[in-house]
Amino acid sequence: MQTPKAQGTPLITTNSPLMNESLIGSDPFHNDGSYARSASPPSSAAHHTTSVNNMDYLEEAPHPQRKDPPSNACSAFLQRVVPHGGSLSGMVNLASCTLGASIISLPYAFFSSGIFVACVALVLITAATVFAIHLLIDAGERTQMRSYEEMARNLIGRRSEYIVAFLMWFFCFGTCVAYVIALGDVILPFLKGQGTGFWHDDWGVRVVTMIIWACVMLPLSLPKEINSLRYFSLVAVSLIGFFVIVMVYHSARYGFTEEHLDQLQSFRGGAKAIDGLALFMFAFMCQINCFEVYFEMHPRSVKKMTNDVSISMSICCILYVIAGFFGYFDFVDQTQDAILKNYNPRNDVLVAISFIGIAFKLCVGFSLCIQPARDAIFYAFNMGEYHLVPTRTRVVICAGMSVCALVLGLLIPKINIVFGFLGSLIGGLVGFALPAWFSMKSTENWGKETVGTSKYVATWALLIGGLVSFVVGTVASIIDISGVA
């Protein structure tokens, strides 16, 4: 028997009732280290409570690994290219969560922080994101907890899960609002300046935004599993790559002038620099989706997930650096909060095509954020995991949140207001501080001797860095919001 921690923190081991044979079978781990679930789930209730160290854990039934046969040749081909629960599926879903509307604000973040500061910040935040997801998945695998909320309840204390659930919901819902604002920024250059009348003013933009929302965003928000969107995610990530190529082309054609070169800034200080850092943190907030991606992966292991995340986030970082630098270089001091406002798609076919691609990406990103927001509501109201919730209930909740996000997105004027506030408030706390804290609390006698010096230092740095960015960034964002008001 293992000695309980001094703080009374629950720890689940292979001897724990949660790791019994009915849940995982007689051989809990494959030879490659991936976690194995029995092919036949227990025939008892979908979940029950198990007491470990005087704390109650909710033992969930395993996710069904559906392998529906392809309905046609095209589906069969896509299934082979992007298999359900495969590495590519996880990478493109995580990249799609990351490469959202934030990429259109990256040039402004480079303008706010300076080129050198922006590049260093992006590299550091990329590494921090990979490490944070590694800590989350490692803690989740060892404790068999499947969400931020579950970890908060069992590792921090009762009732804390509701605070975390609200923060998760607030971030995801706020991101959906930002995506609606960004969709309006995509539509705006096509309509304004073409004449007078209803369709060429703000209300015309709002009506077109509502039509696209109803035809694309809303339907994509209703599927049960995140893997259902893997094909859309693959297309969306490819379209973001095309948009970055167009930004480089436009900058090379119009922005490479001596005048622009003289206006570039390597360093900036003050509130603007903090605004830029908050935008960078928001740009990498995919931690909220990592549990769904991981527990739909098969076969799965912490090492495999970490490798997939490293590749996915590295690609995102490269695209962010290219988009931020060339977008800033193209327009220097005239760089808008959303780079889309600087382009004229009516006069450039490539820009127009890239705008359409961005619109599609925003629709996919909107749906990917609705799902964890939905899961936070399920947890807060004790409805169980998403695969246990009745279809009608799930659809009503997702559709209701989509409608609310649409309304707020049509009313809030600037996208960087939402990005900056969410990046500092939620990114620092949920994205970095909480994963470090969960890792500490889920490891027995956590310290240098048990985890090693490098991991010990890195985890503390992640925790402190997340808390500092949370406090400083939130204050700066509130000042900005007050200034706009």
Protein backbone atom coordinates (compact mmCIF):
# COMPACT_ATOMS: atom_id res chain seq x y z
CA MET A 1 0.00 0.00 0.00
CA GLN A 2 1.26 3.45 -0.86
CA THR A 3 1.65 6.15 1.75
CA PRO A 4 -0.89 8.95 1.31
CA LYS A 5 0.40 12.43 0.60
CA ALA A 6 0.72 14.78 3.49
CA GLN A 7 -1.81 17.17 1.97
CA GLY A 8 -4.33 14.40 1.56
CA THR A 9 -4.19 14.74 -2.22
CA PRO A 10 -5.79 11.76 -3.95
CA LEU A 11 -3.52 9.61 -6.07
CA ILE A 12 -4.71 6.81 -8.32
CA THR A 13 -2.27 3.99 -8.93
CA THR A 14 -2.48 0.66 -10.70
CA ASN A 15 -3.59 -0.82 -7.35
CA SER A 16 -6.47 1.62 -7.10
CA PRO A 17 -10.08 0.49 -7.53
CA LEU A 18 -10.25 2.86 -10.51
CA MET A 19 -7.70 0.74 -12.33
CA ASN A 20 -9.63 -2.49 -11.93
CA GLU A 21 -9.84 -5.24 -14.46
CA SER A 22 -13.42 -4.46 -15.43
CA LEU A 23 -12.33 -1.10 -16.82
CA ILE A 24 -9.02 -1.86 -18.48
CA GLY A 25 -8.75 -5.60 -18.80
CA SER A 26 -6.02 -7.79 -17.42
CA ASP A 27 -3.21 -6.00 -19.28
CA PRO A 28 -3.64 -2.24 -18.76
CA PHE A 29 -0.77 -1.20 -20.99
CA HIS A 30 0.32 -2.31 -24.42
CA ASN A 31 3.98 -3.04 -25.02
CA ASP A 32 4.38 0.40 -26.62
CA GLY A 33 3.13 2.09 -23.50
CA SER A 34 -0.28 3.02 -24.89
CA TYR A 35 -3.24 2.70 -22.60
CA ALA A 36 -5.59 -0.17 -23.33
CA ARG A 37 -9.30 -0.35 -22.67
CA SER A 38 -11.24 -3.54 -22.74
CA ALA A 39 -13.24 -4.13 -25.89
CA SER A 40 -16.36 -4.75 -23.86
CA PRO A 41 -17.26 -2.05 -21.37
CA PRO A 42 -18.81 -3.02 -18.07
CA SER A 43 -22.46 -3.88 -18.36
CA SER A 44 -23.29 -2.01 -15.21
CA ALA A 45 -24.23 1.66 -15.01
CA ALA A 46 -22.39 4.08 -17.24
CA HIS A 47 -20.55 5.48 -14.26
CA HIS A 48 -20.26 5.08 -10.53
CA THR A 49 -18.39 6.70 -7.70
CA THR A 50 -15.23 5.16 -6.26
CA SER A 51 -13.63 6.42 -3.06
CA VAL A 52 -9.87 6.90 -3.04
CA ASN A 53 -8.15 8.48 -0.04
CA ASN A 54 -11.53 9.77 1.17
CA MET A 55 -12.14 11.55 -2.13
CA ASP A 56 -14.85 10.55 -4.58
CA TYR A 57 -13.88 9.92 -8.18
CA LEU A 58 -16.36 9.52 -10.97
CA GLU A 59 -15.49 6.43 -12.95
CA GLU A 60 -16.77 6.87 -16.48
CA ALA A 61 -17.51 4.20 -19.01
CA PRO A 62 -14.97 4.06 -21.79
CA HIS A 63 -15.58 5.98 -24.97
CA PRO A 64 -16.94 3.79 -27.72
CA GLN A 65 -14.37 3.48 -30.49
CA ARG A 66 -16.77 3.45 -33.42
CA LYS A 67 -15.42 2.25 -36.72
CA ASP A 68 -18.35 2.77 -39.05
CA PRO A 69 -17.64 1.40 -42.55
CA PRO A 70 -17.06 4.09 -45.20
CA SER A 71 -20.20 4.82 -47.20
CA ASN A 72 -18.39 5.46 -50.50
CA ALA A 73 -14.97 5.47 -52.18
CA CYS A 74 -14.29 9.09 -51.21
CA SER A 75 -15.04 8.37 -47.55
CA ALA A 76 -12.83 5.29 -47.67
CA PHE A 77 -9.95 7.35 -49.09
CA LEU A 78 -10.35 10.09 -46.47
CA GLN A 79 -10.56 7.46 -43.73
CA ARG A 80 -7.20 6.06 -44.85
CA VAL A 81 -5.60 9.52 -45.08
CA VAL A 82 -7.05 10.91 -41.83
CA PRO A 83 -8.15 7.87 -39.78
CA HIS A 84 -10.45 8.30 -36.82
CA GLY A 85 -8.34 8.73 -33.68
CA GLY A 86 -5.05 8.66 -35.61
CA SER A 87 -2.06 10.94 -35.16
CA LEU A 88 -2.87 13.07 -38.20
CA SER A 89 -6.44 13.50 -37.00
CA GLY A 90 -5.23 14.72 -33.60
CA MET A 91 -2.59 17.00 -35.11
CA VAL A 92 -4.96 18.69 -37.54
CA ASN A 93 -7.66 19.10 -34.89
CA LEU A 94 -5.18 20.70 -32.47
CA ALA A 95 -3.75 22.85 -35.25
CA SER A 96 -7.24 23.88 -36.29
CA CYS A 97 -8.06 24.84 -32.70
CA THR A 98 -4.84 26.87 -32.56
CA LEU A 99 -4.79 28.41 -36.05
CA GLY A 100 -8.02 30.29 -35.70
CA ALA A 101 -8.98 33.92 -35.98
CA SER A 102 -5.92 34.77 -33.90
CA ILE A 103 -3.72 34.63 -37.00
CA ILE A 104 -5.39 37.75 -38.36
CA SER A 105 -4.31 39.63 -35.22
CA LEU A 106 -0.69 38.44 -35.25
CA PRO A 107 0.62 41.33 -37.41
CA TYR A 108 -0.90 43.77 -34.92
CA ALA A 109 0.75 41.84 -32.08
CA PHE A 110 4.11 42.17 -33.88
CA PHE A 111 3.43 45.88 -34.26
CA SER A 112 2.55 46.17 -30.55
CA SER A 113 5.50 44.18 -29.16
CA GLY A 114 8.24 44.61 -31.77
CA ILE A 115 9.68 41.95 -34.07
CA PHE A 116 12.34 40.54 -31.76
CA VAL A 117 10.11 40.41 -28.69
CA ALA A 118 7.31 38.84 -30.73
CA CYS A 119 9.52 36.06 -32.15
CA VAL A 120 11.00 35.20 -28.75
CA ALA A 121 7.55 35.23 -27.14
CA LEU A 122 6.11 32.92 -29.80
CA VAL A 123 8.91 30.37 -29.36
CA LEU A 124 8.60 30.41 -25.56
CA ILE A 125 4.81 30.16 -25.63
CA THR A 126 5.02 27.28 -28.12
CA ALA A 127 7.31 25.35 -25.77
CA ALA A 128 5.12 26.23 -22.78
CA THR A 129 2.00 25.01 -24.60
CA VAL A 130 3.57 21.66 -25.49
CA PHE A 131 4.79 21.20 -21.92
CA ALA A 132 1.43 22.20 -20.44
CA ILE A 133 -0.42 19.67 -22.61
CA HIS A 134 2.14 17.01 -21.70
CA LEU A 135 1.51 17.68 -18.00
CA LEU A 136 -2.26 17.59 -18.48
CA ILE A 137 -2.28 14.32 -20.42
CA ASP A 138 0.25 12.71 -18.11
CA ALA A 139 -1.85 13.62 -15.06
CA GLY A 140 -5.02 12.54 -16.82
CA GLU A 141 -3.58 9.17 -17.79
CA ARG A 142 -2.27 8.42 -14.30
CA THR A 143 -5.45 9.49 -12.53
CA GLN A 144 -7.88 8.53 -15.33
CA MET A 145 -9.51 11.96 -15.17
CA ARG A 146 -10.80 13.29 -18.44
CA SER A 147 -11.29 17.03 -17.97
CA TYR A 148 -10.09 20.19 -16.27
CA GLU A 149 -13.19 20.16 -14.10
CA GLU A 150 -12.63 16.63 -12.83
CA MET A 151 -9.03 17.41 -11.99
CA ALA A 152 -10.01 20.59 -10.16
CA ARG A 153 -12.55 18.74 -8.04
CA ASN A 154 -10.26 15.91 -7.03
CA LEU A 155 -6.86 17.62 -6.95
CA ILE A 156 -7.68 21.13 -5.71
CA GLY A 157 -10.88 20.75 -3.71
CA ARG A 158 -14.62 20.44 -3.90
CA ARG A 159 -16.52 23.26 -5.61
CA SER A 160 -13.37 24.42 -7.40
CA GLU A 161 -14.50 22.47 -10.46
CA TYR A 162 -17.38 24.91 -10.94
CA ILE A 163 -14.97 27.84 -11.07
CA VAL A 164 -12.83 26.00 -13.60
CA ALA A 165 -15.92 24.98 -15.59
CA PHE A 166 -16.98 28.63 -15.76
CA LEU A 167 -13.50 29.73 -16.89
CA MET A 168 -13.47 27.02 -19.58
CA TRP A 169 -16.92 27.97 -20.77
CA PHE A 170 -16.09 31.69 -20.70
CA PHE A 171 -12.97 31.21 -22.80
CA CYS A 172 -14.59 28.95 -25.38
CA PHE A 173 -17.72 31.05 -25.64
CA GLY A 174 -15.66 34.26 -25.86
CA THR A 175 -13.61 32.71 -28.65
CA CYS A 176 -16.80 31.92 -30.55
CA VAL A 177 -17.80 35.58 -30.17
CA ALA A 178 -14.39 36.59 -31.57
CA TYR A 179 -14.87 34.28 -34.55
CA VAL A 180 -18.17 35.98 -35.39
CA ILE A 181 -16.45 39.39 -35.21
CA ALA A 182 -13.67 38.10 -37.48
CA LEU A 183 -16.24 36.77 -39.95
CA GLY A 184 -17.66 40.29 -40.14
CA ASP A 185 -14.16 41.61 -40.83
CA VAL A 186 -13.88 39.14 -43.73
CA ILE A 187 -17.18 40.23 -45.23
CA LEU A 188 -16.66 43.98 -44.70
CA PRO A 189 -14.18 44.66 -47.57
CA PHE A 190 -16.43 42.86 -50.08
CA LEU A 191 -19.47 45.01 -49.36
CA LYS A 192 -18.32 48.44 -48.24
CA GLY A 193 -17.26 50.92 -50.90
CA GLN A 194 -19.32 49.20 -53.60
CA GLY A 195 -22.17 51.67 -53.45
CA THR A 196 -24.85 52.94 -51.13
CA GLY A 197 -27.87 51.29 -49.58
CA PHE A 198 -28.66 48.57 -47.08
CA TRP A 199 -26.22 45.93 -48.36
CA HIS A 200 -23.25 48.29 -48.27
CA ASP A 201 -23.46 49.52 -44.67
CA ASP A 202 -22.96 47.87 -41.29
CA TRP A 203 -26.37 46.21 -41.33
CA GLY A 204 -25.63 44.60 -44.67
CA VAL A 205 -22.46 43.08 -43.19
CA ARG A 206 -24.45 41.81 -40.21
CA VAL A 207 -27.10 40.16 -42.38
CA VAL A 208 -24.49 38.35 -44.51
CA THR A 209 -22.72 37.28 -41.29
CA MET A 210 -25.99 35.83 -39.98
CA ILE A 211 -26.59 33.94 -43.23
CA ILE A 212 -23.13 32.32 -43.15
CA TRP A 213 -23.58 31.54 -39.46
CA ALA A 214 -26.90 29.82 -40.10
CA CYS A 215 -25.67 27.83 -43.12
CA VAL A 216 -22.20 26.78 -41.90
CA MET A 217 -21.28 27.70 -38.31
CA LEU A 218 -24.43 26.39 -36.67
CA PRO A 219 -24.55 22.98 -38.42
CA LEU A 220 -20.86 22.35 -37.70
CA SER A 221 -21.46 23.08 -34.00
CA LEU A 222 -23.83 20.14 -33.50
CA PRO A 223 -21.75 16.92 -34.01
CA LYS A 224 -21.12 14.78 -30.95
CA GLU A 225 -17.39 14.08 -31.37
CA ILE A 226 -14.49 16.35 -32.27
CA ASN A 227 -13.17 13.63 -34.60
CA SER A 228 -16.25 14.17 -36.76
CA LEU A 229 -14.68 17.47 -37.80
CA ARG A 230 -11.25 16.10 -38.72
CA TYR A 231 -11.79 16.45 -42.49
CA PHE A 232 -13.02 20.01 -42.11
CA SER A 233 -10.06 20.72 -39.82
CA LEU A 234 -7.59 19.41 -42.41
CA VAL A 235 -9.07 21.65 -45.11
CA ALA A 236 -9.22 24.61 -42.73
CA VAL A 237 -5.55 24.31 -41.71
CA SER A 238 -4.57 24.08 -45.40
CA LEU A 239 -6.52 27.27 -46.12
CA ILE A 240 -4.73 29.07 -43.29
CA GLY A 241 -1.45 28.03 -44.89
CA PHE A 242 -2.66 29.49 -48.20
CA PHE A 243 -3.57 32.76 -46.46
CA VAL A 244 -0.05 32.98 -45.01
CA ILE A 245 1.42 32.43 -48.49
CA VAL A 246 -0.77 35.25 -49.83
CA MET A 247 0.43 37.53 -47.00
CA VAL A 248 4.06 36.83 -47.95
CA TYR A 249 3.30 37.44 -51.64
CA HIS A 250 1.48 40.72 -50.94
CA SER A 251 4.25 41.93 -48.63
CA ALA A 252 6.95 41.07 -51.17
CA ARG A 253 5.04 42.88 -53.90
CA TYR A 254 3.98 46.02 -52.06
CA GLY A 255 5.73 46.19 -48.66
CA PHE A 256 9.43 45.69 -49.39
CA THR A 257 10.42 49.34 -49.47
CA GLU A 258 13.14 51.26 -47.70
CA GLU A 259 10.50 53.42 -46.05
CA HIS A 260 8.80 50.40 -44.50
CA LEU A 261 12.12 48.95 -43.40
CA ASP A 262 12.92 52.15 -41.49
CA GLN A 263 9.58 52.02 -39.65
CA LEU A 264 9.99 48.48 -38.31
CA GLN A 265 10.45 48.21 -34.53
CA SER A 266 12.35 45.41 -32.79
CA PHE A 267 11.32 46.36 -29.25
CA ARG A 268 8.34 48.15 -27.78
CA GLY A 269 7.46 48.75 -24.17
CA GLY A 270 4.45 49.77 -22.15
CA ALA A 271 0.86 48.60 -22.37
CA LYS A 272 1.09 47.90 -26.11
CA ALA A 273 3.77 45.27 -25.57
CA ILE A 274 1.60 43.57 -22.93
CA ASP A 275 -1.32 43.61 -25.37
CA GLY A 276 0.86 41.79 -27.89
CA LEU A 277 1.86 39.11 -25.38
CA ALA A 278 -1.81 38.55 -24.46
CA LEU A 279 -2.62 38.01 -28.14
CA PHE A 280 0.21 35.47 -28.41
CA MET A 281 -1.11 33.51 -25.42
CA PHE A 282 -4.57 33.45 -26.91
CA ALA A 283 -3.14 32.25 -30.22
CA PHE A 284 -1.91 29.00 -28.61
CA MET A 285 -4.88 28.17 -26.41
CA CYS A 286 -5.63 24.62 -27.56
CA GLN A 287 -5.24 23.03 -24.12
CA ILE A 288 -9.00 22.99 -23.69
CA ASN A 289 -9.37 20.48 -26.54
CA CYS A 290 -6.47 18.19 -25.66
CA PHE A 291 -8.47 15.75 -23.49
CA GLU A 292 -11.05 15.11 -26.23
CA VAL A 293 -8.30 14.61 -28.80
CA TYR A 294 -6.32 12.31 -26.50
CA PHE A 295 -9.15 10.06 -25.35
CA GLU A 296 -10.35 9.64 -28.94
CA MET A 297 -6.81 8.60 -29.97
CA HIS A 298 -6.14 4.89 -30.48
CA PRO A 299 -3.82 3.43 -29.58
CA ARG A 300 -2.89 6.20 -27.22
CA SER A 301 0.04 7.04 -24.99
CA VAL A 302 1.40 10.17 -23.34
CA LYS A 303 4.54 10.00 -25.48
CA LYS A 304 2.56 9.73 -28.70
CA MET A 305 0.32 12.64 -27.75
CA THR A 306 3.33 14.78 -26.78
CA ASN A 307 4.99 14.07 -30.12
CA ASP A 308 1.80 14.95 -32.02
CA VAL A 309 1.38 18.17 -30.04
CA SER A 310 5.03 19.12 -30.60
CA ILE A 311 4.67 18.76 -34.38
CA SER A 312 1.33 20.54 -34.47
CA MET A 313 2.42 23.49 -32.31
CA SER A 314 5.74 23.86 -34.16
CA ILE A 315 3.88 24.19 -37.46
CA CYS A 316 1.57 26.76 -35.87
CA CYS A 317 4.55 28.71 -34.51
CA ILE A 318 6.23 28.84 -37.92
CA LEU A 319 3.02 30.05 -39.58
CA TYR A 320 2.51 32.63 -36.82
CA VAL A 321 6.03 34.05 -37.20
CA ILE A 322 5.69 34.27 -40.98
CA ALA A 323 2.19 35.81 -40.83
CA GLY A 324 3.09 38.25 -38.07
CA PHE A 325 6.34 39.46 -39.62
CA PHE A 326 5.19 39.82 -43.23
CA GLY A 327 1.83 41.30 -42.25
CA TYR A 328 3.57 43.90 -40.08
CA PHE A 329 6.24 44.55 -42.73
CA ASP A 330 3.53 45.12 -45.35
CA PHE A 331 1.65 47.84 -43.46
CA VAL A 332 4.02 48.87 -40.58
CA ASP A 333 2.37 51.68 -38.54
CA GLN A 334 -0.89 51.31 -40.49
CA THR A 335 -1.39 47.72 -39.30
CA GLN A 336 -4.98 47.24 -38.11
CA ASP A 337 -6.16 45.11 -35.16
CA ALA A 338 -7.36 42.59 -37.78
CA ILE A 339 -5.04 42.44 -40.80
CA LEU A 340 -8.05 41.71 -43.00
CA LYS A 341 -8.98 45.40 -42.77
CA ASN A 342 -5.72 46.33 -44.50
CA TYR A 343 -6.42 44.27 -47.63
CA ASN A 344 -8.76 44.96 -50.54
CA PRO A 345 -10.04 41.61 -51.85
CA ARG A 346 -11.94 43.32 -54.67
CA ASN A 347 -8.68 44.24 -56.42
CA ASP A 348 -6.69 41.04 -55.86
CA VAL A 349 -7.96 37.58 -56.76
CA LEU A 350 -5.52 35.75 -54.47
CA VAL A 351 -6.52 37.92 -51.51
CA ALA A 352 -10.19 37.30 -52.28
CA ILE A 353 -9.64 33.52 -52.36
CA SER A 354 -7.69 33.64 -49.10
CA PHE A 355 -10.52 35.63 -47.50
CA ILE A 356 -12.96 32.87 -48.43
CA GLY A 357 -10.57 30.34 -46.91
CA ILE A 358 -10.34 32.38 -43.71
CA ALA A 359 -14.14 32.49 -43.54
CA PHE A 360 -14.27 28.69 -43.79
CA LYS A 361 -11.59 28.35 -41.11
CA LEU A 362 -13.54 30.64 -38.80
CA CYS A 363 -16.61 28.44 -39.22
CA VAL A 364 -14.65 25.29 -38.31
CA GLY A 365 -12.91 27.01 -35.39
CA PHE A 366 -16.29 28.21 -34.12
CA SER A 367 -17.56 24.64 -33.94
CA LEU A 368 -14.35 23.36 -32.29
CA CYS A 369 -14.83 25.90 -29.49
CA ILE A 370 -18.51 25.14 -29.01
CA GLN A 371 -17.68 21.54 -28.07
CA PRO A 372 -15.55 22.19 -24.94
CA ALA A 373 -17.97 24.97 -23.93
CA ARG A 374 -20.74 22.40 -24.20
CA ASP A 375 -18.75 19.91 -22.11
CA ALA A 376 -18.24 22.51 -19.37
CA ILE A 377 -22.01 22.95 -19.13
CA PHE A 378 -22.52 19.18 -19.04
CA TYR A 379 -20.11 18.93 -16.13
CA ALA A 380 -21.50 21.89 -14.20
CA PHE A 381 -25.01 20.41 -14.30
CA ASN A 382 -23.89 16.81 -13.61
CA MET A 383 -25.09 15.59 -17.01
CA GLY A 384 -22.14 13.23 -17.58
CA GLU A 385 -19.72 13.12 -20.49
CA TYR A 386 -20.86 14.21 -23.92
CA HIS A 387 -21.41 10.68 -25.25
CA LEU A 388 -23.91 10.03 -22.43
CA VAL A 389 -26.01 13.18 -22.96
CA PRO A 390 -29.22 12.77 -25.03
CA THR A 391 -28.93 14.12 -28.56
CA ARG A 392 -31.79 16.59 -28.18
CA THR A 393 -30.27 18.10 -25.04
CA ARG A 394 -26.86 18.40 -26.68
CA VAL A 395 -28.28 20.06 -29.78
CA VAL A 396 -30.36 22.57 -27.81
CA ILE A 397 -27.38 23.61 -25.65
CA CYS A 398 -25.01 23.95 -28.62
CA ALA A 399 -27.54 25.85 -30.70
CA GLY A 400 -28.35 28.19 -27.79
CA MET A 401 -24.70 29.06 -27.25
CA SER A 402 -24.24 29.59 -30.98
CA VAL A 403 -27.11 32.07 -31.09
CA CYS A 404 -25.76 34.01 -28.09
CA ALA A 405 -22.27 34.12 -29.62
CA LEU A 406 -23.74 35.45 -32.86
CA VAL A 407 -25.61 38.26 -31.10
CA LEU A 408 -22.59 39.40 -29.07
CA GLY A 409 -20.28 39.11 -32.08
CA LEU A 410 -22.50 41.47 -34.03
CA LEU A 411 -22.38 44.05 -31.23
CA ILE A 412 -18.70 44.12 -30.11
CA PRO A 413 -16.65 46.40 -32.40
CA LYS A 414 -13.01 45.16 -32.24
CA ILE A 415 -11.63 41.65 -32.21
CA ASN A 416 -8.42 42.44 -30.32
CA ILE A 417 -10.52 43.50 -27.30
CA VAL A 418 -11.82 39.93 -27.00
CA PHE A 419 -8.52 38.24 -27.89
CA GLY A 420 -6.45 40.29 -25.44
CA PHE A 421 -8.84 39.83 -22.55
CA LEU A 422 -9.27 36.09 -23.09
CA GLY A 423 -5.55 35.53 -23.70
CA SER A 424 -4.49 37.13 -20.43
CA LEU A 425 -7.40 36.15 -18.19
CA ILE A 426 -7.91 32.56 -19.34
CA GLY A 427 -4.71 31.80 -21.24
CA GLY A 428 -2.39 32.51 -18.32
CA LEU A 429 -4.54 30.74 -15.75
CA VAL A 430 -6.19 27.84 -17.59
CA GLY A 431 -3.56 27.35 -20.29
CA PHE A 432 -0.41 27.38 -18.15
CA ALA A 433 -0.92 27.74 -14.39
CA LEU A 434 -3.54 25.03 -13.88
CA PRO A 435 -1.74 22.28 -15.86
CA ALA A 436 1.36 22.84 -13.70
CA TRP A 437 -0.72 22.76 -10.52
CA PHE A 438 -2.56 19.61 -11.58
CA SER A 439 0.74 17.87 -12.29
CA MET A 440 2.09 18.79 -8.86
CA LYS A 441 -1.02 17.64 -7.02
CA SER A 442 -1.44 14.37 -8.94
CA THR A 443 2.11 13.12 -8.27
CA GLU A 444 2.89 11.54 -4.93
CA ASN A 445 5.62 13.44 -3.03
CA TRP A 446 6.14 15.76 -5.98
CA GLY A 447 9.65 17.25 -5.94
CA LYS A 448 13.11 17.13 -7.51
CA GLU A 449 13.65 13.57 -6.36
CA THR A 450 10.44 12.22 -7.90
CA VAL A 451 10.19 14.16 -11.19
CA GLY A 452 13.78 15.29 -11.82
CA THR A 453 15.37 18.72 -11.61
CA SER A 454 14.55 19.86 -15.16
CA LYS A 455 10.86 18.97 -14.92
CA TYR A 456 10.68 20.41 -11.42
CA VAL A 457 12.07 23.79 -12.56
CA ALA A 458 10.01 23.84 -15.76
CA THR A 459 6.77 23.10 -13.91
CA TRP A 460 7.37 25.88 -11.39
CA ALA A 461 8.27 28.27 -14.21
CA LEU A 462 5.04 27.37 -16.02
CA LEU A 463 2.99 27.94 -12.87
CA ILE A 464 4.59 31.28 -11.95
CA GLY A 465 4.65 32.52 -15.55
CA GLY A 466 0.97 31.69 -15.99
CA LEU A 467 -0.02 33.51 -12.80
CA VAL A 468 2.07 36.61 -13.63
CA SER A 469 0.68 36.83 -17.16
CA PHE A 470 -2.82 36.35 -15.76
CA VAL A 471 -2.50 39.31 -13.37
CA VAL A 472 -0.53 41.72 -15.57
CA GLY A 473 -2.35 40.90 -18.80
CA THR A 474 -5.80 41.12 -17.26
CA VAL A 475 -5.08 44.56 -15.79
CA ALA A 476 -3.75 45.79 -19.16
CA SER A 477 -6.80 44.39 -20.98
CA ILE A 478 -9.21 46.05 -18.55
CA ILE A 479 -7.42 49.38 -19.10
CA ASP A 480 -7.75 48.91 -22.86
CA ILE A 481 -11.44 48.06 -22.60
CA SER A 482 -12.02 51.13 -20.41
CA GLY A 483 -10.22 53.29 -23.00
CA VAL A 484 -12.41 51.96 -25.82
CA ALA A 485 -15.54 52.48 -23.73
